[in-house]
N, C-alpha and C. Protein backbone atom coordinates (compact mmCIF):
# COMPACT_ATOMS: atom_id res chain seq x y z
N MET A 1 -19.23 -175.26 -53.73
CA MET A 1 -18.67 -173.98 -54.14
C MET A 1 -18.47 -173.11 -52.90
N THR A 2 -17.30 -172.56 -52.76
CA THR A 2 -16.98 -171.68 -51.64
C THR A 2 -17.18 -170.24 -52.06
N LYS A 3 -17.84 -169.48 -51.21
CA LYS A 3 -18.04 -168.05 -51.48
C LYS A 3 -17.38 -167.25 -50.38
N ASN A 4 -16.85 -166.12 -50.75
CA ASN A 4 -16.22 -165.23 -49.77
C ASN A 4 -17.26 -164.40 -49.05
N MET A 5 -16.97 -164.10 -47.79
CA MET A 5 -17.82 -163.21 -47.01
C MET A 5 -17.16 -161.84 -46.97
N GLU A 6 -17.93 -160.82 -47.22
CA GLU A 6 -17.42 -159.45 -47.17
C GLU A 6 -18.19 -158.68 -46.11
N ILE A 7 -17.46 -158.02 -45.23
CA ILE A 7 -18.07 -157.23 -44.16
C ILE A 7 -17.60 -155.80 -44.33
N ARG A 8 -18.55 -154.87 -44.38
CA ARG A 8 -18.23 -153.44 -44.51
C ARG A 8 -18.93 -152.68 -43.40
N TYR A 9 -18.22 -151.71 -42.83
CA TYR A 9 -18.81 -150.88 -41.79
C TYR A 9 -18.55 -149.42 -42.12
N ASP A 10 -19.60 -148.61 -42.12
CA ASP A 10 -19.51 -147.17 -42.32
C ASP A 10 -19.71 -146.53 -40.95
N GLU A 11 -18.60 -146.07 -40.37
CA GLU A 11 -18.67 -145.53 -39.00
C GLU A 11 -19.51 -144.27 -38.92
N GLU A 12 -19.40 -143.40 -39.92
CA GLU A 12 -20.17 -142.15 -39.90
C GLU A 12 -21.68 -142.43 -39.93
N ALA A 13 -22.08 -143.37 -40.74
CA ALA A 13 -23.50 -143.71 -40.84
C ALA A 13 -23.91 -144.77 -39.81
N ASP A 14 -22.92 -145.38 -39.14
CA ASP A 14 -23.15 -146.47 -38.17
C ASP A 14 -23.98 -147.57 -38.83
N TYR A 15 -23.46 -148.06 -39.98
CA TYR A 15 -24.15 -149.05 -40.79
C TYR A 15 -23.20 -150.19 -41.12
N LEU A 16 -23.60 -151.41 -40.81
CA LEU A 16 -22.82 -152.61 -41.08
C LEU A 16 -23.49 -153.42 -42.17
N GLU A 17 -22.70 -153.89 -43.15
CA GLU A 17 -23.20 -154.77 -44.20
C GLU A 17 -22.37 -156.05 -44.19
N ILE A 18 -23.04 -157.17 -44.36
CA ILE A 18 -22.37 -158.46 -44.48
C ILE A 18 -22.93 -159.13 -45.73
N PHE A 19 -22.02 -159.50 -46.65
CA PHE A 19 -22.43 -160.16 -47.89
C PHE A 19 -21.69 -161.47 -48.04
N VAL A 20 -22.36 -162.47 -48.59
CA VAL A 20 -21.73 -163.72 -48.98
C VAL A 20 -21.70 -163.70 -50.50
N GLY A 21 -20.52 -163.84 -51.05
CA GLY A 21 -20.36 -163.69 -52.49
C GLY A 21 -20.22 -162.22 -52.82
N GLU A 22 -20.46 -161.87 -54.04
CA GLU A 22 -20.33 -160.49 -54.49
C GLU A 22 -21.59 -159.68 -54.18
N PRO A 23 -21.44 -158.49 -53.56
CA PRO A 23 -22.61 -157.61 -53.40
C PRO A 23 -23.19 -157.28 -54.77
N ARG A 24 -24.51 -157.21 -54.87
CA ARG A 24 -25.17 -156.95 -56.14
C ARG A 24 -26.22 -155.87 -55.97
N GLU A 25 -26.69 -155.40 -57.08
CA GLU A 25 -27.76 -154.40 -57.09
C GLU A 25 -29.11 -155.11 -57.22
N ASP A 26 -29.45 -155.94 -56.28
CA ASP A 26 -30.75 -156.59 -56.30
C ASP A 26 -31.68 -155.82 -55.36
N TYR A 27 -32.26 -156.42 -54.39
CA TYR A 27 -33.18 -155.66 -53.55
C TYR A 27 -33.00 -156.00 -52.08
N GLY A 28 -33.36 -155.06 -51.24
CA GLY A 28 -33.32 -155.26 -49.80
C GLY A 28 -34.73 -155.18 -49.24
N GLU A 29 -34.93 -155.95 -48.18
CA GLU A 29 -36.24 -156.00 -47.53
C GLU A 29 -36.04 -155.73 -46.04
N HIS A 30 -36.69 -154.69 -45.54
CA HIS A 30 -36.60 -154.38 -44.11
C HIS A 30 -37.37 -155.45 -43.34
N ILE A 31 -36.67 -156.12 -42.40
CA ILE A 31 -37.35 -157.10 -41.55
C ILE A 31 -37.58 -156.53 -40.16
N SER A 32 -36.97 -155.39 -39.89
CA SER A 32 -37.24 -154.62 -38.68
C SER A 32 -36.82 -153.18 -38.99
N GLU A 33 -36.97 -152.30 -38.04
CA GLU A 33 -36.65 -150.90 -38.28
C GLU A 33 -35.21 -150.70 -38.74
N ASP A 34 -34.27 -151.46 -38.18
CA ASP A 34 -32.85 -151.25 -38.45
C ASP A 34 -32.17 -152.39 -39.20
N ILE A 35 -32.89 -153.41 -39.61
CA ILE A 35 -32.26 -154.55 -40.27
C ILE A 35 -32.87 -154.76 -41.65
N VAL A 36 -31.97 -154.88 -42.64
CA VAL A 36 -32.36 -155.11 -44.03
C VAL A 36 -31.70 -156.41 -44.48
N ILE A 37 -32.46 -157.26 -45.16
CA ILE A 37 -31.85 -158.43 -45.77
C ILE A 37 -31.84 -158.22 -47.28
N PHE A 38 -30.78 -158.70 -47.93
CA PHE A 38 -30.61 -158.55 -49.37
C PHE A 38 -30.82 -159.90 -50.03
N LYS A 39 -31.63 -159.90 -51.10
CA LYS A 39 -31.97 -161.13 -51.80
C LYS A 39 -31.76 -160.96 -53.29
N TYR A 40 -31.48 -162.08 -53.97
CA TYR A 40 -31.44 -162.09 -55.43
C TYR A 40 -32.86 -162.01 -55.94
N GLU A 41 -33.08 -161.17 -56.94
CA GLU A 41 -34.43 -161.01 -57.48
C GLU A 41 -34.94 -162.26 -58.17
N ASN A 42 -34.04 -163.00 -58.82
CA ASN A 42 -34.51 -164.12 -59.63
C ASN A 42 -34.92 -165.35 -58.81
N ASN A 43 -34.38 -165.49 -57.56
CA ASN A 43 -34.75 -166.69 -56.80
C ASN A 43 -35.04 -166.42 -55.32
N ASP A 44 -35.01 -165.16 -54.90
CA ASP A 44 -35.33 -164.78 -53.52
C ASP A 44 -34.33 -165.31 -52.49
N GLN A 45 -33.18 -165.79 -52.96
CA GLN A 45 -32.16 -166.33 -52.06
C GLN A 45 -31.44 -165.20 -51.34
N LEU A 46 -31.26 -165.35 -50.04
CA LEU A 46 -30.58 -164.36 -49.21
C LEU A 46 -29.08 -164.37 -49.48
N TYR A 47 -28.48 -163.18 -49.66
CA TYR A 47 -27.04 -163.11 -49.84
C TYR A 47 -26.38 -162.04 -48.97
N GLY A 48 -27.16 -161.29 -48.20
CA GLY A 48 -26.54 -160.28 -47.36
C GLY A 48 -27.50 -159.68 -46.36
N VAL A 49 -26.91 -158.93 -45.43
CA VAL A 49 -27.70 -158.26 -44.40
C VAL A 49 -27.08 -156.90 -44.12
N GLY A 50 -27.91 -155.92 -43.83
CA GLY A 50 -27.46 -154.59 -43.43
C GLY A 50 -28.06 -154.24 -42.08
N ILE A 51 -27.25 -153.65 -41.21
CA ILE A 51 -27.73 -153.31 -39.87
C ILE A 51 -27.46 -151.83 -39.62
N PHE A 52 -28.52 -151.04 -39.50
CA PHE A 52 -28.41 -149.62 -39.17
C PHE A 52 -28.25 -149.48 -37.66
N ASN A 53 -27.66 -148.37 -37.22
CA ASN A 53 -27.45 -148.11 -35.79
C ASN A 53 -26.72 -149.28 -35.12
N PHE A 54 -25.68 -149.75 -35.79
CA PHE A 54 -25.00 -150.96 -35.35
C PHE A 54 -24.36 -150.84 -33.96
N LYS A 55 -23.71 -149.71 -33.68
CA LYS A 55 -23.05 -149.57 -32.38
C LYS A 55 -24.06 -149.70 -31.24
N LYS A 56 -25.20 -149.07 -31.40
CA LYS A 56 -26.24 -149.16 -30.37
C LYS A 56 -26.74 -150.59 -30.24
N ARG A 57 -26.94 -151.26 -31.37
CA ARG A 57 -27.46 -152.61 -31.35
C ARG A 57 -26.41 -153.63 -30.95
N ALA A 58 -25.15 -153.34 -31.17
CA ALA A 58 -24.09 -154.29 -30.86
C ALA A 58 -23.97 -154.54 -29.36
N ALA A 59 -24.50 -153.63 -28.55
CA ALA A 59 -24.50 -153.85 -27.10
C ALA A 59 -25.28 -155.12 -26.78
N ASN A 60 -26.25 -155.45 -27.62
CA ASN A 60 -27.00 -156.68 -27.44
C ASN A 60 -27.02 -157.41 -28.79
N LEU A 61 -25.85 -157.87 -29.21
CA LEU A 61 -25.71 -158.49 -30.52
C LEU A 61 -26.57 -159.74 -30.66
N SER A 62 -26.80 -160.46 -29.59
CA SER A 62 -27.64 -161.65 -29.69
C SER A 62 -29.06 -161.28 -30.11
N ASP A 63 -29.52 -160.10 -29.72
CA ASP A 63 -30.84 -159.63 -30.14
C ASP A 63 -30.85 -159.40 -31.65
N VAL A 64 -29.79 -158.80 -32.19
CA VAL A 64 -29.70 -158.55 -33.62
C VAL A 64 -29.70 -159.89 -34.37
N LEU A 65 -28.84 -160.81 -33.94
CA LEU A 65 -28.71 -162.08 -34.65
C LEU A 65 -29.98 -162.92 -34.57
N SER A 66 -30.72 -162.80 -33.49
CA SER A 66 -31.95 -163.59 -33.36
C SER A 66 -33.02 -163.16 -34.35
N LYS A 67 -32.93 -161.96 -34.90
CA LYS A 67 -33.91 -161.47 -35.86
C LYS A 67 -33.58 -161.85 -37.30
N LEU A 68 -32.36 -162.35 -37.53
CA LEU A 68 -31.96 -162.68 -38.89
C LEU A 68 -32.50 -164.04 -39.30
N PRO A 69 -33.05 -164.13 -40.51
CA PRO A 69 -33.63 -165.40 -40.96
C PRO A 69 -32.59 -166.32 -41.58
N VAL A 70 -31.44 -166.46 -40.94
CA VAL A 70 -30.38 -167.31 -41.47
C VAL A 70 -29.71 -168.05 -40.33
N SER A 71 -29.06 -169.12 -40.67
CA SER A 71 -28.17 -169.75 -39.72
C SER A 71 -26.80 -169.79 -40.39
N ILE A 72 -25.78 -169.58 -39.64
CA ILE A 72 -24.44 -169.51 -40.17
C ILE A 72 -23.65 -170.68 -39.61
N LYS A 73 -23.04 -171.44 -40.50
CA LYS A 73 -22.20 -172.55 -40.08
C LYS A 73 -20.79 -172.25 -40.52
N ILE A 74 -19.86 -172.20 -39.58
CA ILE A 74 -18.47 -171.91 -39.90
C ILE A 74 -17.68 -173.19 -39.73
N GLU A 75 -16.99 -173.59 -40.79
CA GLU A 75 -16.20 -174.80 -40.77
C GLU A 75 -14.75 -174.48 -41.07
N PRO A 76 -13.82 -175.24 -40.51
CA PRO A 76 -12.42 -175.00 -40.82
C PRO A 76 -12.15 -175.29 -42.30
N ALA A 77 -11.20 -174.54 -42.85
CA ALA A 77 -10.88 -174.71 -44.28
C ALA A 77 -10.13 -175.99 -44.53
């Protein structure tokens, strides 16, 4: 099953969200001061991430990505 990835950025709040599939009203868990992961309540499966203060953190994006508990594999369609 293929799921779409949705990326949203709020420039005023400097907040980036990345979701796989449809964003839902489940729950987020802070894994650091500025990073939140979103999980389904029924199975704890990760479906999204939110990054506060993104512009500041994007200067060292590898640091941000190293804190995420996911691996991303991109394959040609």
